C-alpha atoms as a PDB file:
ATOM      1  CA  MET A   1       5.681  32.160  42.085  1.00  0.00           C
ATOM      2  CA  SER A   2       3.092  35.061  42.207  1.00  0.00           C
ATOM      3  CA  GLN A   3       0.192  34.159  44.618  1.00  0.00           C
ATOM      4  CA  ARG A   4      -2.888  35.221  42.373  1.00  0.00           C
ATOM      5  CA  LYS A   5      -5.655  35.234  45.028  1.00  0.00           C
ATOM      6  CA  ASN A   6      -9.461  34.882  44.152  1.00  0.00           C
ATOM      7  CA  LYS A   7      -8.415  34.396  40.442  1.00  0.00           C
ATOM      8  CA  LYS A   8     -10.771  31.832  38.651  1.00  0.00           C
ATOM      9  CA  VAL A   9      -9.665  29.023  35.630  1.00  0.00           C
ATOM     10  CA  TYR A  10     -11.686  29.359  32.680  1.00  0.00           C
ATOM     11  CA  TYR A  11     -12.132  26.194  30.526  1.00  0.00           C
ATOM     12  CA  HIS A  12     -12.841  25.674  27.035  1.00  0.00           C
ATOM     13  CA  LEU A  13     -14.730  22.755  26.405  1.00  0.00           C
ATOM     14  CA  PRO A  14     -14.689  20.742  23.185  1.00  0.00           C
ATOM     15  CA  GLY A  15     -17.793  20.045  20.828  1.00  0.00           C
ATOM     16  CA  LEU A  16     -19.797  23.034  19.994  1.00  0.00           C
ATOM     17  CA  PHE A  17     -21.133  21.298  17.132  1.00  0.00           C
ATOM     18  CA  GLU A  18     -20.985  17.477  17.944  1.00  0.00           C
ATOM     19  CA  PHE A  19     -22.078  17.598  21.595  1.00  0.00           C
ATOM     20  CA  TYR A  20     -25.105  19.778  21.755  1.00  0.00           C
ATOM     21  CA  GLU A  21     -27.406  17.318  23.360  1.00  0.00           C
ATOM     22  CA  LEU A  22     -24.633  16.657  26.129  1.00  0.00           C
ATOM     23  CA  TYR A  23     -24.257  20.466  26.878  1.00  0.00           C
ATOM     24  CA  CYS A  24     -28.291  20.533  27.048  1.00  0.00           C
ATOM     25  CA  ALA A  25     -28.319  18.323  29.975  1.00  0.00           C
ATOM     26  CA  PHE A  26     -24.912  19.259  31.408  1.00  0.00           C
ATOM     27  CA  LEU A  27     -25.297  23.153  31.583  1.00  0.00           C
ATOM     28  CA  PRO A  28     -28.803  22.941  33.380  1.00  0.00           C
ATOM     29  CA  LEU A  29     -26.656  21.663  36.163  1.00  0.00           C
ATOM     30  CA  TYR A  30     -23.556  23.863  36.075  1.00  0.00           C
ATOM     31  CA  LYS A  31     -26.131  26.726  36.163  1.00  0.00           C
ATOM     32  CA  GLU A  32     -28.438  25.528  39.018  1.00  0.00           C
ATOM     33  CA  HIS A  33     -26.091  23.153  41.036  1.00  0.00           C
ATOM     34  CA  ARG A  34     -23.148  25.528  41.588  1.00  0.00           C
ATOM     35  CA  GLU A  35     -22.264  23.460  44.667  1.00  0.00           C
ATOM     36  CA  TYR A  36     -21.688  20.452  42.739  1.00  0.00           C
ATOM     37  CA  PHE A  37     -18.769  22.538  40.986  1.00  0.00           C
ATOM     38  CA  TYR A  38     -15.030  23.563  42.361  1.00  0.00           C
ATOM     39  CA  ASP A  39     -15.945  27.208  42.929  1.00  0.00           C
ATOM     40  CA  TRP A  40     -12.535  28.355  41.434  1.00  0.00           C
ATOM     41  CA  CYS A  41     -13.378  27.132  37.997  1.00  0.00           C
ATOM     42  CA  GLU A  42     -15.742  28.226  35.294  1.00  0.00           C
ATOM     43  CA  ILE A  43     -17.075  27.379  31.341  1.00  0.00           C
ATOM     44  CA  SER A  44     -15.300  30.597  29.384  1.00  0.00           C
ATOM     45  CA  SER A  45     -16.154  28.845  26.252  1.00  0.00           C
ATOM     46  CA  ILE A  46     -17.230  25.891  23.710  1.00  0.00           C
ATOM     47  CA  TYR A  47     -15.296  25.360  20.551  1.00  0.00           C
ATOM     48  CA  GLY A  48     -15.802  23.500  17.687  1.00  0.00           C
ATOM     49  CA  SER A  49     -16.850  23.040  13.671  1.00  0.00           C
ATOM     50  CA  PRO A  50     -19.610  21.828  11.469  1.00  0.00           C
ATOM     51  CA  ALA A  51     -18.685  18.890   9.856  1.00  0.00           C
ATOM     52  CA  ASP A  52     -16.961  18.734   6.581  1.00  0.00           C
ATOM     53  CA  CYS A  53     -16.334  22.603   6.859  1.00  0.00           C
ATOM     54  CA  LEU A  54     -14.109  24.042   4.497  1.00  0.00           C
ATOM     55  CA  TRP A  55     -12.050  26.296   6.874  1.00  0.00           C
ATOM     56  CA  GLY A  56     -11.864  23.275   9.455  1.00  0.00           C
ATOM     57  CA  GLY A  57      -8.978  21.548  11.084  1.00  0.00           C
ATOM     58  CA  GLY A  58      -7.676  19.504  13.974  1.00  0.00           C
ATOM     59  CA  ARG A  59     -10.482  16.978  12.891  1.00  0.00           C
ATOM     60  CA  ALA A  60     -12.549  16.333  10.002  1.00  0.00           C
ATOM     61  CA  GLY A  61     -16.133  14.838   9.830  1.00  0.00           C
ATOM     62  CA  PHE A  62     -17.488  15.857  13.444  1.00  0.00           C
ATOM     63  CA  GLY A  63     -20.097  18.118  14.249  1.00  0.00           C
ATOM     64  CA  SER A  64     -23.646  18.163  12.892  1.00  0.00           C
ATOM     65  CA  ASP A  65     -25.619  19.861  15.077  1.00  0.00           C
ATOM     66  CA  ASN A  66     -27.721  23.011  14.312  1.00  0.00           C
ATOM     67  CA  PRO A  67     -25.507  26.285  14.697  1.00  0.00           C
ATOM     68  CA  GLU A  68     -28.785  28.499  15.405  1.00  0.00           C
ATOM     69  CA  GLU A  69     -29.505  25.988  18.363  1.00  0.00           C
ATOM     70  CA  VAL A  70     -25.799  26.041  19.026  1.00  0.00           C
ATOM     71  CA  LEU A  71     -25.930  29.903  19.588  1.00  0.00           C
ATOM     72  CA  LYS A  72     -28.897  29.776  21.097  1.00  0.00           C
ATOM     73  CA  LEU A  73     -27.910  27.452  23.899  1.00  0.00           C
ATOM     74  CA  THR A  74     -24.213  29.398  24.494  1.00  0.00           C
ATOM     75  CA  GLN A  75     -25.788  32.835  24.477  1.00  0.00           C
ATOM     76  CA  GLU A  76     -28.524  31.507  27.277  1.00  0.00           C
ATOM     77  CA  TYR A  77     -25.512  30.383  29.520  1.00  0.00           C
ATOM     78  CA  GLY A  78     -23.574  33.224  29.308  1.00  0.00           C
ATOM     79  CA  ILE A  79     -20.724  31.410  27.271  1.00  0.00           C
ATOM     80  CA  SER A  80     -18.392  31.878  24.367  1.00  0.00           C
ATOM     81  CA  ALA A  81     -18.688  29.886  21.138  1.00  0.00           C
ATOM     82  CA  ARG A  82     -15.681  29.112  19.172  1.00  0.00           C
ATOM     83  CA  LEU A  83     -15.622  28.509  15.863  1.00  0.00           C
ATOM     84  CA  THR A  84     -12.701  26.213  14.979  1.00  0.00           C
ATOM     85  CA  PHE A  85     -11.232  27.340  11.802  1.00  0.00           C
ATOM     86  CA  SER A  86      -7.590  25.812  12.008  1.00  0.00           C
ATOM     87  CA  ASN A  87      -7.366  24.862   8.025  1.00  0.00           C
ATOM     88  CA  SER A  88      -3.545  25.964   7.525  1.00  0.00           C
ATOM     89  CA  LEU A  89      -3.784  25.354   3.487  1.00  0.00           C
ATOM     90  CA  LEU A  90      -6.463  27.839   2.704  1.00  0.00           C
ATOM     91  CA  ARG A  91      -5.983  30.007  -0.360  1.00  0.00           C
ATOM     92  CA  LYS A  92      -7.871  33.153  -1.570  1.00  0.00           C
ATOM     93  CA  GLU A  93     -10.354  31.324  -3.719  1.00  0.00           C
ATOM     94  CA  HIS A  94     -11.345  29.454  -0.137  1.00  0.00           C
ATOM     95  CA  LEU A  95     -12.407  32.246   0.983  1.00  0.00           C
ATOM     96  CA  THR A  96     -15.843  32.737  -0.060  1.00  0.00           C
ATOM     97  CA  GLU A  97     -16.708  29.830   2.394  1.00  0.00           C
ATOM     98  CA  CYS A  98     -18.563  29.879   5.976  1.00  0.00           C
ATOM     99  CA  ASN A  99     -19.097  33.972   5.635  1.00  0.00           C
ATOM    100  CA  ILE A 100     -22.916  33.073   6.603  1.00  0.00           C
ATOM    101  CA  LEU A 101     -21.449  30.990   9.860  1.00  0.00           C
ATOM    102  CA  CYS A 102     -19.266  33.914  10.722  1.00  0.00           C
ATOM    103  CA  LYS A 103     -21.921  36.780  10.717  1.00  0.00           C
ATOM    104  CA  MET A 104     -24.485  34.700  12.318  1.00  0.00           C
ATOM    105  CA  PHE A 105     -21.780  34.428  14.675  1.00  0.00           C
ATOM    106  CA  GLU A 106     -20.921  37.871  14.788  1.00  0.00           C
ATOM    107  CA  GLU A 107     -23.785  39.233  15.864  1.00  0.00           C
ATOM    108  CA  VAL A 108     -25.705  37.528  17.750  1.00  0.00           C
ATOM    109  CA  GLY A 109     -26.631  38.402  21.360  1.00  0.00           C
ATOM    110  CA  GLU A 110     -24.249  40.137  24.111  1.00  0.00           C
ATOM    111  CA  LYS A 111     -21.441  37.261  24.952  1.00  0.00           C
ATOM    112  CA  ARG A 112     -18.619  37.788  22.104  1.00  0.00           C
ATOM    113  CA  ASN A 113     -17.708  34.453  19.912  1.00  0.00           C
ATOM    114  CA  GLY A 114     -14.502  33.930  18.416  1.00  0.00           C
ATOM    115  CA  VAL A 115     -12.592  31.740  16.010  1.00  0.00           C
ATOM    116  CA  ILE A 116      -9.586  29.659  16.636  1.00  0.00           C
ATOM    117  CA  VAL A 117      -7.422  30.206  13.660  1.00  0.00           C
ATOM    118  CA  HIS A 118      -4.259  29.196  11.631  1.00  0.00           C
ATOM    119  CA  SER A 119      -4.284  30.741   8.736  1.00  0.00           C
ATOM    120  CA  ASP A 120      -2.224  33.763   8.380  1.00  0.00           C
ATOM    121  CA  LEU A 121      -4.443  34.723   5.118  1.00  0.00           C
ATOM    122  CA  LEU A 122      -7.753  33.576   6.579  1.00  0.00           C
ATOM    123  CA  LEU A 123      -7.193  35.617  10.206  1.00  0.00           C
ATOM    124  CA  LYS A 124      -6.544  38.578   8.393  1.00  0.00           C
ATOM    125  CA  TYR A 125      -9.796  38.252   5.935  1.00  0.00           C
ATOM    126  CA  LEU A 126     -12.021  37.645   9.370  1.00  0.00           C
ATOM    127  CA  GLU A 127     -10.325  40.572  10.893  1.00  0.00           C
ATOM    128  CA  ILE A 128     -11.336  43.112   8.086  1.00  0.00           C
ATOM    129  CA  ASN A 129     -14.460  41.570   7.639  1.00  0.00           C
ATOM    130  CA  TYR A 130     -16.112  39.981  10.971  1.00  0.00           C
ATOM    131  CA  PRO A 131     -13.621  42.888  13.691  1.00  0.00           C
ATOM    132  CA  LYS A 132     -16.627  41.659  16.211  1.00  0.00           C
ATOM    133  CA  LEU A 133     -15.124  38.306  16.462  1.00  0.00           C
ATOM    134  CA  TYR A 134     -12.112  37.632  18.572  1.00  0.00           C
ATOM    135  CA  PHE A 135      -8.962  35.367  17.419  1.00  0.00           C
ATOM    136  CA  VAL A 136      -7.711  32.101  19.223  1.00  0.00           C
ATOM    137  CA  SER A 137      -3.761  31.301  17.902  1.00  0.00           C
ATOM    138  CA  SER A 138      -4.590  26.989  16.826  1.00  0.00           C
ATOM    139  CA  THR A 139      -2.491  24.233  19.060  1.00  0.00           C
ATOM    140  CA  THR A 140      -2.474  23.001  15.045  1.00  0.00           C
ATOM    141  CA  LYS A 141       0.714  25.281  14.492  1.00  0.00           C
ATOM    142  CA  VAL A 142       2.572  22.939  16.934  1.00  0.00           C
ATOM    143  CA  LEU A 143       4.636  25.801  18.780  1.00  0.00           C
ATOM    144  CA  THR A 144       7.096  23.645  20.139  1.00  0.00           C
ATOM    145  CA  ASP A 145      10.114  26.060  20.359  1.00  0.00           C
ATOM    146  CA  PHE A 146       9.510  28.773  22.795  1.00  0.00           C
ATOM    147  CA  ASN A 147      10.418  31.615  21.470  1.00  0.00           C
ATOM    148  CA  GLU A 148       8.257  31.279  18.578  1.00  0.00           C
ATOM    149  CA  PHE A 149       5.541  30.379  20.519  1.00  0.00           C
ATOM    150  CA  LEU A 150       6.473  34.078  22.858  1.00  0.00           C
ATOM    151  CA  GLN A 151       6.503  35.598  19.750  1.00  0.00           C
ATOM    152  CA  GLU A 152       2.959  34.243  18.867  1.00  0.00           C
ATOM    153  CA  VAL A 153       1.658  35.664  22.417  1.00  0.00           C
ATOM    154  CA  LYS A 154       2.858  39.290  21.990  1.00  0.00           C
ATOM    155  CA  LYS A 155       0.754  39.571  18.407  1.00  0.00           C
ATOM    156  CA  GLU A 156      -1.924  42.064  19.097  1.00  0.00           C
ATOM    157  CA  ASP A 157      -3.808  40.178  16.158  1.00  0.00           C
ATOM    158  CA  PHE A 158      -5.064  37.078  19.225  1.00  0.00           C
ATOM    159  CA  ARG A 159      -6.671  37.167  22.657  1.00  0.00           C
ATOM    160  CA  TYR A 160      -5.128  33.436  23.338  1.00  0.00           C
ATOM    161  CA  VAL A 161      -2.747  31.255  22.161  1.00  0.00           C
ATOM    162  CA  VAL A 162      -2.694  27.597  22.941  1.00  0.00           C
ATOM    163  CA  PRO A 163       0.991  26.368  22.341  1.00  0.00           C
ATOM    164  CA  ASP A 164       2.058  22.715  21.675  1.00  0.00           C
ATOM    165  CA  PHE A 165       1.238  20.568  24.778  1.00  0.00           C
ATOM    166  CA  ARG A 166       5.139  20.078  25.299  1.00  0.00           C
ATOM    167  CA  LEU A 167       5.716  23.247  26.451  1.00  0.00           C
ATOM    168  CA  ASN A 168       2.789  22.919  29.129  1.00  0.00           C
ATOM    169  CA  LYS A 169       5.960  22.064  32.051  1.00  0.00           C
ATOM    170  CA  ALA A 170       8.279  24.527  30.753  1.00  0.00           C
ATOM    171  CA  PHE A 171       7.517  26.292  33.953  1.00  0.00           C
ATOM    172  CA  ASP A 172      11.194  28.425  34.335  1.00  0.00           C
ATOM    173  CA  LYS A 173      10.316  29.887  30.804  1.00  0.00           C
ATOM    174  CA  LEU A 174       6.544  30.433  31.521  1.00  0.00           C
ATOM    175  CA  ASN A 175       7.097  32.132  34.482  1.00  0.00           C
ATOM    176  CA  MET A 176       9.069  34.945  33.149  1.00  0.00           C
ATOM    177  CA  LEU A 177       6.062  35.900  31.278  1.00  0.00           C
ATOM    178  CA  SER A 178       4.525  38.978  31.988  1.00  0.00           C
ATOM    179  CA  GLU A 179       0.545  39.099  33.567  1.00  0.00           C
ATOM    180  CA  GLN A 180      -0.587  40.055  30.271  1.00  0.00           C
ATOM    181  CA  GLU A 181       1.147  37.620  28.148  1.00  0.00           C
ATOM    182  CA  LYS A 182       0.222  34.961  30.964  1.00  0.00           C
ATOM    183  CA  ASN A 183      -3.452  36.051  30.626  1.00  0.00           C
ATOM    184  CA  LYS A 184      -3.528  35.108  26.975  1.00  0.00           C
ATOM    185  CA  VAL A 185      -1.712  31.467  27.317  1.00  0.00           C
ATOM    186  CA  GLU A 186      -4.298  28.991  27.020  1.00  0.00           C
ATOM    187  CA  PHE A 187      -2.802  25.342  27.684  1.00  0.00           C
ATOM    188  CA  LEU A 188      -4.041  21.846  26.281  1.00  0.00           C
ATOM    189  CA  CYS A 189      -4.541  19.813  29.124  1.00  0.00           C
ATOM    190  CA  ASN A 190      -5.646  16.163  28.556  1.00  0.00           C
ATOM    191  CA  GLU A 191      -3.559  15.378  25.361  1.00  0.00           C
ATOM    192  CA  CYS A 192      -2.993  12.046  24.690  1.00  0.00           C
ATOM    193  CA  CYS A 193      -0.465  12.225  21.415  1.00  0.00           C
ATOM    194  CA  TRP A 194       2.851  10.665  21.738  1.00  0.00           C
ATOM    195  CA  PHE A 195       4.882  13.404  23.470  1.00  0.00           C
ATOM    196  CA  GLY A 196       8.031  12.628  21.333  1.00  0.00           C
ATOM    197  CA  CYS A 197       5.692  12.576  18.027  1.00  0.00           C
ATOM    198  CA  LYS A 198       7.941  13.766  15.619  1.00  0.00           C
ATOM    199  CA  ASP A 199       4.855  14.196  13.057  1.00  0.00           C
ATOM    200  CA  ARG A 200       2.336  16.205  14.690  1.00  0.00           C
ATOM    201  CA  LYS A 201       2.403  18.623  12.230  1.00  0.00           C
ATOM    202  CA  GLN A 202       1.723  16.727   9.356  1.00  0.00           C
ATOM    203  CA  CYS A 203      -1.011  14.854  10.866  1.00  0.00           C
ATOM    204  CA  TYR A 204      -2.823  18.528  11.305  1.00  0.00           C
ATOM    205  CA  GLU A 205      -2.186  19.161   7.484  1.00  0.00           C
ATOM    206  CA  ILE A 206      -3.443  15.828   6.687  1.00  0.00           C
ATOM    207  CA  VAL A 207      -6.645  16.833   8.028  1.00  0.00           C
ATOM    208  CA  SER A 208      -6.958  20.081   6.161  1.00  0.00           C
ATOM    209  CA  ARG A 209      -6.189  18.892   2.991  1.00  0.00           C
ATOM    210  CA  LYS A 210      -9.065  16.428   3.600  1.00  0.00           C
ATOM    211  CA  ASN A 211     -11.526  19.189   4.553  1.00  0.00           C
ATOM    212  CA  LEU A 212     -10.612  20.895   0.969  1.00  0.00           C
ATOM    213  CA  GLY A 213     -11.724  17.743  -0.328  1.00  0.00           C
ATOM    214  CA  GLU A 214      -8.548  16.176  -1.556  1.00  0.00           C
ATOM    215  CA  MET A 215      -8.816  12.064  -1.465  1.00  0.00           C
ATOM    216  CA  ILE A 216      -5.538  11.478   0.529  1.00  0.00           C
ATOM    217  CA  PRO A 217      -4.822   8.394   2.755  1.00  0.00           C
ATOM    218  CA  ASP A 218      -5.507   9.127   6.384  1.00  0.00           C
ATOM    219  CA  HIS A 219      -2.464  10.017   8.946  1.00  0.00           C
ATOM    220  CA  LYS A 220      -0.745   6.572   9.976  1.00  0.00           C
ATOM    221  CA  CYS A 221       0.590   7.469  13.647  1.00  0.00           C
ATOM    222  CA  ASN A 222       3.879   6.275  14.841  1.00  0.00           C
ATOM    223  CA  SER A 223       3.180   6.349  18.453  1.00  0.00           C
ATOM    224  CA  PRO A 224       4.257   2.864  20.230  1.00  0.00           C
ATOM    225  CA  ASP A 225       0.500   2.351  21.564  1.00  0.00           C
ATOM    226  CA  ALA A 226      -1.372   4.159  18.685  1.00  0.00           C
ATOM    227  CA  LYS A 227      -3.755   0.873  17.916  1.00  0.00           C
ATOM    228  CA  GLU A 228      -5.058   1.973  21.699  1.00  0.00           C
ATOM    229  CA  GLY A 229      -7.047   5.170  20.396  1.00  0.00           C
ATOM    230  CA  TYR A 230      -7.569   7.878  23.019  1.00  0.00           C
ATOM    231  CA  ARG A 231      -7.377   6.850  26.297  1.00  0.00           C
ATOM    232  CA  PHE A 232      -7.893   9.502  29.573  1.00  0.00           C
ATOM    233  CA  SER A 233      -6.163   6.941  31.789  1.00  0.00           C
ATOM    234  CA  LYS A 234      -2.967   6.574  28.839  1.00  0.00           C
ATOM    235  CA  ALA A 235      -3.163  11.224  28.739  1.00  0.00           C
ATOM    236  CA  MET A 236      -2.740  11.405  32.249  1.00  0.00           C
ATOM    237  CA  LYS A 237       0.673   9.155  32.051  1.00  0.00           C
ATOM    238  CA  ASN A 238       1.624  11.500  29.288  1.00  0.00           C
ATOM    239  CA  PRO A 239       4.448  14.232  30.391  1.00  0.00           C
ATOM    240  CA  GLY A 240       2.815  17.111  29.266  1.00  0.00           C
ATOM    241  CA  PHE A 241      -0.436  16.664  31.343  1.00  0.00           C
ATOM    242  CA  ILE A 242      -2.100  19.074  33.348  1.00  0.00           C
ATOM    243  CA  SER A 243      -4.367  17.597  36.056  1.00  0.00           C
ATOM    244  CA  ALA A 244      -6.894  19.409  37.948  1.00  0.00           C
ATOM    245  CA  ASN A 245      -4.318  19.287  40.816  1.00  0.00           C
ATOM    246  CA  ASP A 246      -1.963  20.719  38.973  1.00  0.00           C
ATOM    247  CA  ILE A 247      -4.305  23.870  37.432  1.00  0.00           C
ATOM    248  CA  LYS A 248      -5.094  24.625  40.908  1.00  0.00           C
ATOM    249  CA  LYS A 249      -1.916  24.164  42.848  1.00  0.00           C
ATOM    250  CA  ILE A 250       0.337  25.296  40.375  1.00  0.00           C
ATOM    251  CA  TYR A 251      -0.904  26.952  37.347  1.00  0.00           C
ATOM    252  CA  LEU A 252      -3.202  29.127  38.870  1.00  0.00           C
ATOM    253  CA  PRO A 253      -0.716  30.735  41.730  1.00  0.00           C
ATOM    254  CA  MET A 254       1.456  31.538  38.438  1.00  0.00           C
ATOM    255  CA  GLY A 255      -0.785  33.587  37.215  1.00  0.00           C
ATOM    256  CA  PHE A 256      -2.488  30.914  34.499  1.00  0.00           C
ATOM    257  CA  GLU A 257      -5.942  31.202  33.959  1.00  0.00           C
ATOM    258  CA  ASN A 258      -7.261  29.442  30.484  1.00  0.00           C
ATOM    259  CA  PHE A 259      -7.374  26.152  30.032  1.00  0.00           C
ATOM    260  CA  LYS A 260      -8.513  23.888  26.778  1.00  0.00           C
ATOM    261  CA  ILE A 261     -10.122  20.625  27.304  1.00  0.00           C
ATOM    262  CA  GLU A 262      -9.609  18.282  24.274  1.00  0.00           C
ATOM    263  CA  GLY A 263     -12.207  15.651  22.798  1.00  0.00           C
ATOM    264  CA  ARG A 264     -13.701  16.270  19.438  1.00  0.00           C
ATOM    265  CA  GLY A 265     -14.137  13.074  17.900  1.00  0.00           C
ATOM    266  CA  LEU A 266     -14.680  11.305  20.857  1.00  0.00           C
ATOM    267  CA  GLY A 267     -17.773   9.680  22.357  1.00  0.00           C
ATOM    268  CA  SER A 268     -19.846  12.333  24.618  1.00  0.00           C
ATOM    269  CA  ALA A 269     -19.765   9.750  27.406  1.00  0.00           C
ATOM    270  CA  LEU A 270     -16.177  10.535  27.401  1.00  0.00           C
ATOM    271  CA  VAL A 271     -16.267  14.087  27.172  1.00  0.00           C
ATOM    272  CA  LEU A 272     -18.680  13.605  30.372  1.00  0.00           C
ATOM    273  CA  GLU A 273     -15.590  11.761  32.305  1.00  0.00           C
ATOM    274  CA  PHE A 274     -13.408  15.036  31.276  1.00  0.00           C
ATOM    275  CA  LEU A 275     -16.117  17.202  32.627  1.00  0.00           C
ATOM    276  CA  LEU A 276     -16.228  15.288  35.971  1.00  0.00           C
ATOM    277  CA  TYR A 277     -12.725  15.368  36.422  1.00  0.00           C
ATOM    278  CA  TYR A 278     -11.680  19.053  35.612  1.00  0.00           C
ATOM    279  CA  MET A 279     -14.773  21.244  37.066  1.00  0.00           C
ATOM    280  CA  VAL A 280     -17.175  18.347  39.557  1.00  0.00           C
ATOM    281  CA  LYS A 281     -16.348  18.015  42.774  1.00  0.00           C
ATOM    282  CA  PRO A 282     -15.930  13.920  43.481  1.00  0.00           C
ATOM    283  CA  GLU A 283     -18.802  13.750  45.635  1.00  0.00           C
ATOM    284  CA  TYR A 284     -20.796  15.125  43.507  1.00  0.00           C
ATOM    285  CA  GLN A 285     -20.025  13.511  40.754  1.00  0.00           C
ATOM    286  CA  ILE A 286     -22.458  10.634  40.491  1.00  0.00           C
ATOM    287  CA  CYS A 287     -25.194  13.101  40.776  1.00  0.00           C
ATOM    288  CA  VAL A 288     -23.975  14.805  37.645  1.00  0.00           C
ATOM    289  CA  ARG A 289     -23.964  11.678  35.589  1.00  0.00           C
ATOM    290  CA  GLU A 290     -26.932  10.028  36.802  1.00  0.00           C
ATOM    291  CA  GLU A 291     -29.138  13.693  35.892  1.00  0.00           C
ATOM    292  CA  VAL A 292     -26.727  13.316  32.177  1.00  0.00           C
ATOM    293  CA  TYR A 293     -27.306  10.015  31.461  1.00  0.00           C
ATOM    294  CA  LEU A 294     -31.092   9.558  32.514  1.00  0.00           C
ATOM    295  CA  ASP A 295     -31.467  12.679  30.708  1.00  0.00           C
ATOM    296  CA  ASN A 296     -29.974  11.117  27.715  1.00  0.00           C
ATOM    297  CA  MET A 297     -31.001   7.659  28.020  1.00  0.00           C
ATOM    298  CA  LEU A 298     -27.605   6.352  27.720  1.00  0.00           C
ATOM    299  CA  ASP A 299     -27.253   2.206  26.929  1.00  0.00           C
ATOM    300  CA  LEU A 300     -23.702   1.526  26.789  1.00  0.00           C
ATOM    301  CA  PHE A 301     -24.008  -1.211  24.670  1.00  0.00           C
END
């Protein structure tokens, strides 16, 4: 492994349109109390899409916060805002949607904003019409074959590529990437999906269809413990899970700096636990919890 001293980890956080109130409480602490946080990590971006957004994918029906307020918040703290436009089934007639939002995100502030994209059709459209945005290849492509993933990394269209979480521990192959290629890889850390799942792409496709307005049944998950829903404790036992210690001790020395935290569609209290686990020193986690909970007047029941 090549040692990468003085390098930082850059986190990409969930809930741009879902967790505005949480970030209104969390980001001031991140700015004003850096002693609470690990000095080897920073927040690079927050991602999400408005509820029922036709271009959206990955999750459906989440995200009601005001785009103007969202952008003002991210720009205030120097954080990139990413639109999650990962619908895989878009056609030409759909390209009239979401343009006002793209224009708003392209033109605001000094911090460059981005789009997480699946559809090649949408990618080309955005590149032509909104060249100031940068682009991220979505994990909804389910790139489990390393050679296919590598070809995606080599594409100049993308600043970042998110592989399927089942490639997270392919260290022998990952370490063969060039420094430039490593800089483009963005690992999904806390996926709870069954490691042996063969229906992941179909699951995402159903979400895409729902966002297009199709009346179809929800995807039926075949995971052995699907009824439990998302549990962070379960995600930690997933063979593809990347812990905070893994990031610091394994991935960063290898030259990887970008890590995506899942959480859209979950509750803000659970997302806060992700932020605490990955970013906040253990002795200060209670301080952050108290500030956030008191600010939000949280009632658990």
